[in-house]
Amino acid sequence: MPELLAPTVGLHAAWLEAHDEWGPGLHEDGFGLRSTDEVRSPDGFAAWVARLVDRPNSEKPLDAGQVPCTYRWIVEDDRVLGGIALRHELNDHLLRVAGHIGYGIRPTARRRGLATWALGRMLNEARAIGLDRVLIVCEVDNIGSAKTIEHHCGALEEIRDTELGPARRYWITL
């Protein structure tokens, strides 16, 4: 049975296994990973995890362009299967390109309903922090993600060209 867990250094080896499966240069939605993050060494991984865990804390200053965000890893049998992120608010970039929630499932764990399961739980967290609706954006040809969003009553606003290519924009009323 999968769990949604806060990022932890205890899953370093399991996270690296998932990261390696994605392959170099591919974006891993839901993990908050930046190109400048050094995650292979224990110290670099610990620094990255600390940044992720602090993101929902409104008392700590955030880097420019960042918003409070809750990260969760999708874990089953000590294997990291994916990640999901809930951005507590939208700035201009997030409104245009990324939305409130982003998620990704490692290739070998796809088509098991994990994204649908995790999104349902993260929508509960969105309600708990007081959001009344959330924007979720996916690539126009990502049919699996579109079905996941639609399963949770996502209403397609439009298909729009973004800096990252054409994207479907969905709103879910909580």
N, C-alpha and C. Protein backbone atom coordinates (compact mmCIF):
# COMPACT_ATOMS: atom_id res chain seq x y z
N MET A 1 0.85 -1.19 0.00
CA MET A 1 0.00 0.00 0.00
C MET A 1 0.89 1.25 0.00
N PRO A 2 0.67 2.16 -0.92
CA PRO A 2 1.51 3.37 -0.97
C PRO A 2 1.19 4.32 0.19
N GLU A 3 2.17 5.20 0.45
CA GLU A 3 2.01 6.25 1.45
C GLU A 3 2.49 7.55 0.84
N LEU A 4 1.96 8.66 1.33
CA LEU A 4 2.51 9.97 1.00
C LEU A 4 3.35 10.40 2.19
N LEU A 5 4.64 10.59 1.96
CA LEU A 5 5.55 10.94 3.04
C LEU A 5 6.23 12.27 2.76
N ALA A 6 6.50 13.02 3.82
CA ALA A 6 7.33 14.21 3.68
C ALA A 6 8.73 13.77 3.25
N PRO A 7 9.41 14.58 2.43
CA PRO A 7 10.77 14.23 2.03
C PRO A 7 11.64 13.95 3.25
N THR A 8 12.50 12.94 3.13
CA THR A 8 13.36 12.54 4.24
C THR A 8 14.70 12.04 3.72
N VAL A 9 15.75 12.34 4.47
CA VAL A 9 17.08 11.86 4.07
C VAL A 9 17.18 10.34 4.20
N GLY A 10 16.27 9.74 4.96
CA GLY A 10 16.28 8.29 5.13
C GLY A 10 15.98 7.53 3.84
N LEU A 11 15.46 8.23 2.84
CA LEU A 11 15.16 7.59 1.56
C LEU A 11 16.12 8.01 0.45
N HIS A 12 17.32 8.40 0.84
CA HIS A 12 18.29 8.88 -0.15
C HIS A 12 18.53 7.85 -1.26
N ALA A 13 18.90 6.63 -0.90
CA ALA A 13 19.20 5.60 -1.92
C ALA A 13 17.96 5.30 -2.76
N ALA A 14 16.79 5.22 -2.14
CA ALA A 14 15.56 4.93 -2.87
C ALA A 14 15.20 6.08 -3.81
N TRP A 15 15.43 7.32 -3.37
CA TRP A 15 15.14 8.46 -4.23
C TRP A 15 16.10 8.48 -5.41
N LEU A 16 17.38 8.21 -5.16
CA LEU A 16 18.34 8.18 -6.26
C LEU A 16 17.99 7.12 -7.30
N GLU A 17 17.50 5.97 -6.84
CA GLU A 17 17.08 4.92 -7.77
C GLU A 17 15.96 5.43 -8.68
N ALA A 18 14.99 6.11 -8.11
CA ALA A 18 13.90 6.68 -8.90
C ALA A 18 14.42 7.76 -9.85
N HIS A 19 15.29 8.62 -9.35
CA HIS A 19 15.87 9.70 -10.14
C HIS A 19 16.65 9.14 -11.33
N ASP A 20 17.42 8.10 -11.10
CA ASP A 20 18.19 7.47 -12.18
C ASP A 20 17.27 6.84 -13.22
N GLU A 21 16.15 6.31 -12.79
CA GLU A 21 15.21 5.71 -13.73
C GLU A 21 14.65 6.74 -14.70
N TRP A 22 14.41 7.97 -14.21
CA TRP A 22 13.92 9.03 -15.09
C TRP A 22 14.93 9.31 -16.21
N GLY A 23 16.19 9.26 -15.86
CA GLY A 23 17.23 9.52 -16.84
C GLY A 23 17.64 10.98 -16.86
N PRO A 24 18.83 11.25 -17.39
CA PRO A 24 19.35 12.61 -17.38
C PRO A 24 18.54 13.56 -18.26
N GLY A 25 18.37 14.76 -17.76
CA GLY A 25 17.72 15.81 -18.53
C GLY A 25 16.20 15.79 -18.51
N LEU A 26 15.59 14.75 -17.98
CA LEU A 26 14.13 14.70 -17.95
C LEU A 26 13.62 15.34 -16.67
N HIS A 27 12.57 16.13 -16.80
CA HIS A 27 12.01 16.84 -15.65
C HIS A 27 11.17 15.89 -14.81
N GLU A 28 11.38 15.92 -13.52
CA GLU A 28 10.65 15.06 -12.59
C GLU A 28 9.67 15.92 -11.81
N ASP A 29 8.46 16.03 -12.33
CA ASP A 29 7.45 16.86 -11.68
C ASP A 29 7.15 16.36 -10.28
N GLY A 30 6.90 17.30 -9.38
CA GLY A 30 6.49 16.96 -8.03
C GLY A 30 7.60 16.90 -7.01
N PHE A 31 8.84 17.04 -7.44
CA PHE A 31 9.96 16.91 -6.51
C PHE A 31 10.63 18.24 -6.15
N GLY A 32 10.33 19.31 -6.86
CA GLY A 32 10.97 20.59 -6.56
C GLY A 32 12.46 20.60 -6.81
N LEU A 33 12.90 19.76 -7.71
CA LEU A 33 14.33 19.63 -8.00
C LEU A 33 14.76 20.72 -8.97
N ARG A 34 15.79 21.43 -8.60
CA ARG A 34 16.38 22.46 -9.46
C ARG A 34 17.64 21.92 -10.10
N SER A 35 18.01 22.49 -11.22
CA SER A 35 19.22 22.03 -11.91
C SER A 35 20.48 22.27 -11.06
N THR A 36 20.41 23.18 -10.12
CA THR A 36 21.56 23.48 -9.26
C THR A 36 21.62 22.59 -8.01
N ASP A 37 20.59 21.79 -7.76
CA ASP A 37 20.59 20.92 -6.59
C ASP A 37 21.56 19.76 -6.79
N GLU A 38 22.39 19.53 -5.80
CA GLU A 38 23.35 18.43 -5.83
C GLU A 38 22.80 17.37 -4.89
N VAL A 39 22.25 16.30 -5.45
CA VAL A 39 21.52 15.33 -4.64
C VAL A 39 22.25 13.99 -4.47
N ARG A 40 23.38 13.82 -5.11
CA ARG A 40 24.08 12.53 -5.03
C ARG A 40 24.80 12.34 -3.69
N SER A 41 25.41 13.40 -3.19
CA SER A 41 26.13 13.28 -1.93
C SER A 41 25.15 13.36 -0.76
N PRO A 42 25.47 12.71 0.36
CA PRO A 42 24.58 12.83 1.53
C PRO A 42 24.36 14.27 1.97
N ASP A 43 25.40 15.09 1.96
CA ASP A 43 25.25 16.49 2.38
C ASP A 43 24.39 17.28 1.42
N GLY A 44 24.59 17.10 0.12
CA GLY A 44 23.79 17.80 -0.88
C GLY A 44 22.33 17.39 -0.81
N PHE A 45 22.11 16.09 -0.65
CA PHE A 45 20.74 15.57 -0.54
C PHE A 45 20.07 16.14 0.71
N ALA A 46 20.79 16.16 1.82
CA ALA A 46 20.24 16.68 3.07
C ALA A 46 19.88 18.16 2.93
N ALA A 47 20.70 18.92 2.24
CA ALA A 47 20.42 20.35 2.04
C ALA A 47 19.16 20.53 1.18
N TRP A 48 19.04 19.70 0.14
CA TRP A 48 17.86 19.78 -0.73
C TRP A 48 16.59 19.40 0.05
N VAL A 49 16.64 18.30 0.80
CA VAL A 49 15.49 17.87 1.59
C VAL A 49 15.11 18.94 2.60
N ALA A 50 16.09 19.56 3.24
CA ALA A 50 15.81 20.62 4.22
C ALA A 50 15.07 21.79 3.55
N ARG A 51 15.47 22.15 2.34
CA ARG A 51 14.79 23.23 1.61
C ARG A 51 13.34 22.84 1.33
N LEU A 52 13.11 21.60 0.91
CA LEU A 52 11.75 21.15 0.61
C LEU A 52 10.87 21.14 1.86
N VAL A 53 11.41 20.67 2.95
CA VAL A 53 10.64 20.56 4.19
C VAL A 53 10.30 21.94 4.74
N ASP A 54 11.17 22.94 4.50
CA ASP A 54 10.93 24.30 5.00
C ASP A 54 9.96 25.09 4.13
N ARG A 55 9.67 24.66 2.92
CA ARG A 55 8.88 25.47 1.98
C ARG A 55 7.48 25.83 2.47
N PRO A 56 6.78 25.00 3.23
CA PRO A 56 5.46 25.46 3.69
C PRO A 56 5.53 26.45 4.84
N ASN A 57 6.70 26.64 5.43
CA ASN A 57 6.86 27.50 6.59
C ASN A 57 6.83 28.97 6.15
N SER A 58 5.73 29.66 6.43
CA SER A 58 5.57 31.05 5.98
C SER A 58 6.47 32.02 6.74
N GLU A 59 7.09 31.59 7.81
CA GLU A 59 7.96 32.49 8.58
C GLU A 59 9.37 32.56 8.01
N LYS A 60 9.75 31.61 7.19
CA LYS A 60 11.09 31.61 6.60
C LYS A 60 11.04 32.30 5.25
N PRO A 61 12.03 33.15 4.96
CA PRO A 61 12.04 33.82 3.66
C PRO A 61 12.29 32.81 2.53
N LEU A 62 11.60 33.01 1.41
CA LEU A 62 11.76 32.15 0.25
C LEU A 62 12.60 32.85 -0.81
N ASP A 63 13.21 32.08 -1.67
CA ASP A 63 13.93 32.65 -2.80
C ASP A 63 12.95 33.42 -3.67
N ALA A 64 13.46 34.38 -4.43
CA ALA A 64 12.62 35.18 -5.32
C ALA A 64 11.85 34.26 -6.27
N GLY A 65 10.58 34.55 -6.43
CA GLY A 65 9.74 33.77 -7.34
C GLY A 65 9.17 32.50 -6.75
N GLN A 66 9.54 32.17 -5.52
CA GLN A 66 9.06 30.94 -4.87
C GLN A 66 7.83 31.25 -4.02
N VAL A 67 7.00 30.24 -3.82
CA VAL A 67 5.82 30.35 -2.96
C VAL A 67 5.85 29.21 -1.95
N PRO A 68 5.13 29.34 -0.85
CA PRO A 68 5.05 28.20 0.08
C PRO A 68 4.53 26.96 -0.66
N CYS A 69 5.10 25.82 -0.34
CA CYS A 69 4.78 24.60 -1.07
C CYS A 69 4.95 23.40 -0.15
N THR A 70 4.03 22.46 -0.24
CA THR A 70 4.11 21.20 0.49
C THR A 70 4.50 20.10 -0.48
N TYR A 71 5.59 19.40 -0.16
CA TYR A 71 6.06 18.29 -0.99
C TYR A 71 5.78 16.97 -0.29
N ARG A 72 5.37 15.99 -1.06
CA ARG A 72 5.19 14.63 -0.56
C ARG A 72 5.79 13.67 -1.57
N TRP A 73 6.37 12.59 -1.04
CA TRP A 73 6.86 11.52 -1.90
C TRP A 73 5.90 10.35 -1.81
N ILE A 74 5.69 9.72 -2.94
CA ILE A 74 4.84 8.53 -3.02
C ILE A 74 5.76 7.34 -2.81
N VAL A 75 5.57 6.65 -1.69
CA VAL A 75 6.49 5.59 -1.28
C VAL A 75 5.71 4.31 -1.02
N GLU A 76 6.27 3.20 -1.47
CA GLU A 76 5.69 1.89 -1.21
C GLU A 76 6.84 0.90 -1.03
N ASP A 77 6.79 0.16 0.07
CA ASP A 77 7.84 -0.82 0.37
C ASP A 77 9.24 -0.21 0.27
N ASP A 78 9.42 0.96 0.84
CA ASP A 78 10.69 1.69 0.85
C ASP A 78 11.21 2.03 -0.54
N ARG A 79 10.32 2.10 -1.53
CA ARG A 79 10.67 2.54 -2.88
C ARG A 79 9.97 3.86 -3.16
N VAL A 80 10.71 4.83 -3.65
CA VAL A 80 10.12 6.11 -4.05
C VAL A 80 9.54 5.93 -5.44
N LEU A 81 8.22 6.05 -5.54
CA LEU A 81 7.53 5.82 -6.81
C LEU A 81 7.18 7.12 -7.53
N GLY A 82 7.19 8.22 -6.79
CA GLY A 82 6.87 9.50 -7.41
C GLY A 82 6.86 10.60 -6.38
N GLY A 83 6.49 11.78 -6.85
CA GLY A 83 6.40 12.94 -5.97
C GLY A 83 5.23 13.81 -6.37
N ILE A 84 4.76 14.60 -5.42
CA ILE A 84 3.65 15.53 -5.68
C ILE A 84 3.89 16.78 -4.85
N ALA A 85 3.58 17.91 -5.43
CA ALA A 85 3.81 19.20 -4.77
C ALA A 85 2.53 20.02 -4.81
N LEU A 86 2.21 20.65 -3.69
CA LEU A 86 1.07 21.56 -3.57
C LEU A 86 1.61 22.95 -3.29
N ARG A 87 1.47 23.83 -4.27
CA ARG A 87 1.86 25.23 -4.09
C ARG A 87 0.68 25.96 -3.45
N HIS A 88 0.94 26.62 -2.35
CA HIS A 88 -0.13 27.22 -1.55
C HIS A 88 -0.75 28.45 -2.18
N GLU A 89 -0.07 29.04 -3.13
CA GLU A 89 -0.58 30.22 -3.84
C GLU A 89 0.04 30.24 -5.23
N LEU A 90 -0.48 31.11 -6.08
CA LEU A 90 0.04 31.22 -7.43
C LEU A 90 0.68 32.59 -7.64
N ASN A 91 1.89 32.59 -8.20
CA ASN A 91 2.48 33.83 -8.68
C ASN A 91 2.22 33.88 -10.19
N ASP A 92 2.73 34.90 -10.88
CA ASP A 92 2.45 35.03 -12.31
C ASP A 92 2.93 33.81 -13.10
N HIS A 93 4.13 33.33 -12.80
CA HIS A 93 4.69 32.18 -13.52
C HIS A 93 3.83 30.93 -13.30
N LEU A 94 3.49 30.65 -12.06
CA LEU A 94 2.68 29.47 -11.76
C LEU A 94 1.30 29.56 -12.40
N LEU A 95 0.73 30.75 -12.42
CA LEU A 95 -0.58 30.93 -13.05
C LEU A 95 -0.49 30.66 -14.56
N ARG A 96 0.60 31.07 -15.18
CA ARG A 96 0.77 30.86 -16.62
C ARG A 96 1.15 29.43 -16.97
N VAL A 97 2.00 28.80 -16.15
CA VAL A 97 2.69 27.59 -16.61
C VAL A 97 2.42 26.34 -15.78
N ALA A 98 2.40 26.43 -14.46
CA ALA A 98 2.49 25.22 -13.65
C ALA A 98 1.30 24.92 -12.75
N GLY A 99 0.58 25.91 -12.28
CA GLY A 99 -0.56 25.66 -11.41
C GLY A 99 -0.20 25.39 -9.96
N HIS A 100 -1.22 24.97 -9.20
CA HIS A 100 -1.06 24.70 -7.78
C HIS A 100 -0.40 23.35 -7.50
N ILE A 101 -0.68 22.35 -8.32
CA ILE A 101 -0.23 20.99 -8.03
C ILE A 101 0.53 20.43 -9.22
N GLY A 102 1.68 19.84 -8.93
CA GLY A 102 2.45 19.13 -9.94
C GLY A 102 2.83 17.77 -9.39
N TYR A 103 2.87 16.77 -10.25
CA TYR A 103 3.20 15.42 -9.79
C TYR A 103 3.89 14.66 -10.89
N GLY A 104 4.61 13.64 -10.48
CA GLY A 104 5.28 12.76 -11.42
C GLY A 104 5.41 11.37 -10.83
N ILE A 105 5.30 10.37 -11.69
CA ILE A 105 5.44 8.97 -11.29
C ILE A 105 6.59 8.37 -12.10
N ARG A 106 7.47 7.66 -11.42
CA ARG A 106 8.61 7.07 -12.14
C ARG A 106 8.10 6.09 -13.21
N PRO A 107 8.81 5.97 -14.31
CA PRO A 107 8.30 5.19 -15.44
C PRO A 107 7.81 3.78 -15.11
N THR A 108 8.53 3.03 -14.28
CA THR A 108 8.11 1.64 -14.01
C THR A 108 6.92 1.54 -13.07
N ALA A 109 6.49 2.65 -12.47
CA ALA A 109 5.35 2.63 -11.55
C ALA A 109 4.09 3.23 -12.16
N ARG A 110 4.16 3.63 -13.41
CA ARG A 110 3.01 4.25 -14.06
C ARG A 110 1.92 3.22 -14.38
N ARG A 111 0.71 3.75 -14.62
CA ARG A 111 -0.46 2.95 -15.02
C ARG A 111 -0.96 2.05 -13.89
N ARG A 112 -0.69 2.46 -12.64
CA ARG A 112 -1.18 1.74 -11.47
C ARG A 112 -2.19 2.56 -10.67
N GLY A 113 -2.46 3.79 -11.12
CA GLY A 113 -3.39 4.65 -10.40
C GLY A 113 -2.75 5.45 -9.29
N LEU A 114 -1.42 5.45 -9.21
CA LEU A 114 -0.73 6.17 -8.12
C LEU A 114 -0.95 7.68 -8.20
N ALA A 115 -0.91 8.25 -9.39
CA ALA A 115 -1.10 9.70 -9.51
C ALA A 115 -2.52 10.08 -9.09
N THR A 116 -3.51 9.28 -9.49
CA THR A 116 -4.90 9.55 -9.10
C THR A 116 -5.05 9.47 -7.59
N TRP A 117 -4.46 8.46 -6.99
CA TRP A 117 -4.51 8.28 -5.54
C TRP A 117 -3.84 9.46 -4.83
N ALA A 118 -2.63 9.82 -5.27
CA ALA A 118 -1.88 10.90 -4.62
C ALA A 118 -2.57 12.25 -4.80
N LEU A 119 -3.11 12.50 -5.99
CA LEU A 119 -3.79 13.77 -6.22
C LEU A 119 -5.00 13.89 -5.29
N GLY A 120 -5.74 12.83 -5.09
CA GLY A 120 -6.87 12.87 -4.17
C GLY A 120 -6.46 13.27 -2.77
N ARG A 121 -5.37 12.73 -2.30
CA ARG A 121 -4.89 13.08 -0.96
C ARG A 121 -4.37 14.52 -0.90
N MET A 122 -3.71 14.96 -1.96
CA MET A 122 -3.18 16.32 -1.97
C MET A 122 -4.32 17.34 -2.08
N LEU A 123 -5.41 16.99 -2.75
CA LEU A 123 -6.56 17.88 -2.78
C LEU A 123 -7.14 18.06 -1.37
N ASN A 124 -7.09 17.02 -0.55
CA ASN A 124 -7.51 17.16 0.85
C ASN A 124 -6.60 18.14 1.58
N GLU A 125 -5.29 18.10 1.32
CA GLU A 125 -4.37 19.06 1.94
C GLU A 125 -4.66 20.47 1.46
N ALA A 126 -5.03 20.62 0.18
CA ALA A 126 -5.36 21.94 -0.36
C ALA A 126 -6.58 22.51 0.37
N ARG A 127 -7.57 21.67 0.61
CA ARG A 127 -8.75 22.11 1.39
C ARG A 127 -8.32 22.54 2.79
N ALA A 128 -7.46 21.75 3.40
CA ALA A 128 -7.04 22.01 4.78
C ALA A 128 -6.30 23.34 4.93
N ILE A 129 -5.62 23.79 3.88
CA ILE A 129 -4.93 25.09 3.98
C ILE A 129 -5.81 26.25 3.51
N GLY A 130 -7.06 25.93 3.15
CA GLY A 130 -8.03 26.98 2.84
C GLY A 130 -8.21 27.31 1.36
N LEU A 131 -7.67 26.53 0.47
CA LEU A 131 -7.90 26.80 -0.95
C LEU A 131 -9.32 26.35 -1.32
N ASP A 132 -9.98 27.13 -2.18
CA ASP A 132 -11.32 26.73 -2.61
C ASP A 132 -11.32 26.17 -4.03
N ARG A 133 -10.23 26.38 -4.76
CA ARG A 133 -10.05 25.74 -6.06
C ARG A 133 -8.57 25.72 -6.39
N VAL A 134 -8.19 24.76 -7.23
CA VAL A 134 -6.79 24.64 -7.60
C VAL A 134 -6.67 24.52 -9.12
N LEU A 135 -5.58 25.06 -9.62
CA LEU A 135 -5.23 24.96 -11.03
C LEU A 135 -4.20 23.86 -11.19
N ILE A 136 -4.45 22.96 -12.16
CA ILE A 136 -3.49 21.91 -12.49
C ILE A 136 -3.27 21.97 -13.99
N VAL A 137 -2.00 21.96 -14.38
CA VAL A 137 -1.62 22.10 -15.78
C VAL A 137 -0.84 20.85 -16.18
N CYS A 138 -1.13 20.33 -17.38
CA CYS A 138 -0.35 19.21 -17.90
C CYS A 138 -0.08 19.41 -19.38
N GLU A 139 0.96 18.77 -19.86
CA GLU A 139 1.28 18.84 -21.28
C GLU A 139 0.07 18.36 -22.08
N VAL A 140 -0.15 18.98 -23.22
CA VAL A 140 -1.35 18.69 -24.01
C VAL A 140 -1.44 17.22 -24.42
N ASP A 141 -0.30 16.56 -24.63
CA ASP A 141 -0.33 15.16 -25.07
C ASP A 141 -0.17 14.16 -23.93
N ASN A 142 -0.20 14.61 -22.68
CA ASN A 142 -0.10 13.72 -21.54
C ASN A 142 -1.50 13.25 -21.15
N ILE A 143 -1.97 12.26 -21.88
CA ILE A 143 -3.34 11.77 -21.70
C ILE A 143 -3.54 11.15 -20.32
N GLY A 144 -2.52 10.46 -19.80
CA GLY A 144 -2.63 9.87 -18.47
C GLY A 144 -2.87 10.93 -17.41
N SER A 145 -2.13 12.02 -17.48
CA SER A 145 -2.31 13.10 -16.51
C SER A 145 -3.67 13.77 -16.69
N ALA A 146 -4.08 13.98 -17.92
CA ALA A 146 -5.39 14.59 -18.16
C ALA A 146 -6.49 13.72 -17.55
N LYS A 147 -6.41 12.40 -17.71
CA LYS A 147 -7.42 11.50 -17.13
C LYS A 147 -7.38 11.54 -15.61
N THR A 148 -6.17 11.65 -15.04
CA THR A 148 -6.04 11.75 -13.59
C THR A 148 -6.76 12.99 -13.07
N ILE A 149 -6.54 14.11 -13.72
CA ILE A 149 -7.16 15.38 -13.31
C ILE A 149 -8.68 15.31 -13.50
N GLU A 150 -9.11 14.78 -14.63
CA GLU A 150 -10.53 14.68 -14.91
C GLU A 150 -11.23 13.73 -13.93
N HIS A 151 -10.53 12.70 -13.47
CA HIS A 151 -11.08 11.79 -12.46
C HIS A 151 -11.49 12.55 -11.20
N HIS A 152 -10.76 13.62 -10.90
CA HIS A 152 -11.05 14.44 -9.71
C HIS A 152 -11.86 15.68 -10.07
N CYS A 153 -12.66 15.57 -11.16
CA CYS A 153 -13.59 16.61 -11.58
C CYS A 153 -12.89 17.88 -12.07
N GLY A 154 -11.71 17.72 -12.62
CA GLY A 154 -11.03 18.86 -13.22
C GLY A 154 -11.80 19.34 -14.44
N ALA A 155 -12.07 20.64 -14.48
CA ALA A 155 -12.78 21.25 -15.60
C ALA A 155 -11.75 21.93 -16.50
N LEU A 156 -11.70 21.49 -17.76
CA LEU A 156 -10.75 22.06 -18.71
C LEU A 156 -11.11 23.51 -18.99
N GLU A 157 -10.19 24.40 -18.66
CA GLU A 157 -10.38 25.82 -18.96
C GLU A 157 -10.03 26.09 -20.41
N GLU A 158 -8.84 25.59 -20.82
CA GLU A 158 -8.39 25.81 -22.20
C GLU A 158 -7.10 25.05 -22.43
N ILE A 159 -6.73 24.96 -23.69
CA ILE A 159 -5.40 24.51 -24.08
C ILE A 159 -4.67 25.77 -24.51
N ARG A 160 -3.49 25.98 -23.91
CA ARG A 160 -2.77 27.24 -24.12
C ARG A 160 -1.31 26.97 -24.41
N ASP A 161 -0.72 27.78 -25.27
CA ASP A 161 0.72 27.72 -25.48
C ASP A 161 1.41 28.39 -24.30
N THR A 162 2.41 27.71 -23.75
CA THR A 162 3.19 28.25 -22.64
C THR A 162 4.66 28.22 -23.00
N GLU A 163 5.48 28.73 -22.11
CA GLU A 163 6.93 28.69 -22.30
C GLU A 163 7.45 27.26 -22.43
N LEU A 164 6.70 26.31 -21.89
CA LEU A 164 7.10 24.91 -21.92
C LEU A 164 6.38 24.11 -23.01
N GLY A 165 5.60 24.78 -23.84
CA GLY A 165 4.86 24.11 -24.90
C GLY A 165 3.37 24.14 -24.62
N PRO A 166 2.57 23.54 -25.53
CA PRO A 166 1.12 23.56 -25.34
C PRO A 166 0.71 22.77 -24.10
N ALA A 167 -0.24 23.33 -23.36
CA ALA A 167 -0.65 22.72 -22.09
C ALA A 167 -2.15 22.81 -21.90
N ARG A 168 -2.68 21.78 -21.24
CA ARG A 168 -4.07 21.77 -20.80
C ARG A 168 -4.13 22.42 -19.43
N ARG A 169 -5.11 23.28 -19.23
CA ARG A 169 -5.30 23.98 -17.95
C ARG A 169 -6.64 23.54 -17.36
N TYR A 170 -6.57 22.97 -16.17
CA TYR A 170 -7.77 22.48 -15.49
C TYR A 170 -7.92 23.19 -14.15
N TRP A 171 -9.16 23.45 -13.78
CA TRP A 171 -9.50 23.93 -12.44
C TRP A 171 -10.32 22.87 -11.74
N ILE A 172 -9.97 22.62 -10.47
CA ILE A 172 -10.75 21.72 -9.63
C ILE A 172 -11.31 22.55 -8.48
N THR A 173 -12.63 22.55 -8.37
CA THR A 173 -13.29 23.24 -7.25
C THR A 173 -13.28 22.30 -6.06
N LEU A 174 -12.84 22.82 -4.92
CA LEU A 174 -12.76 22.01 -3.71
C LEU A 174 -14.02 22.21 -2.93
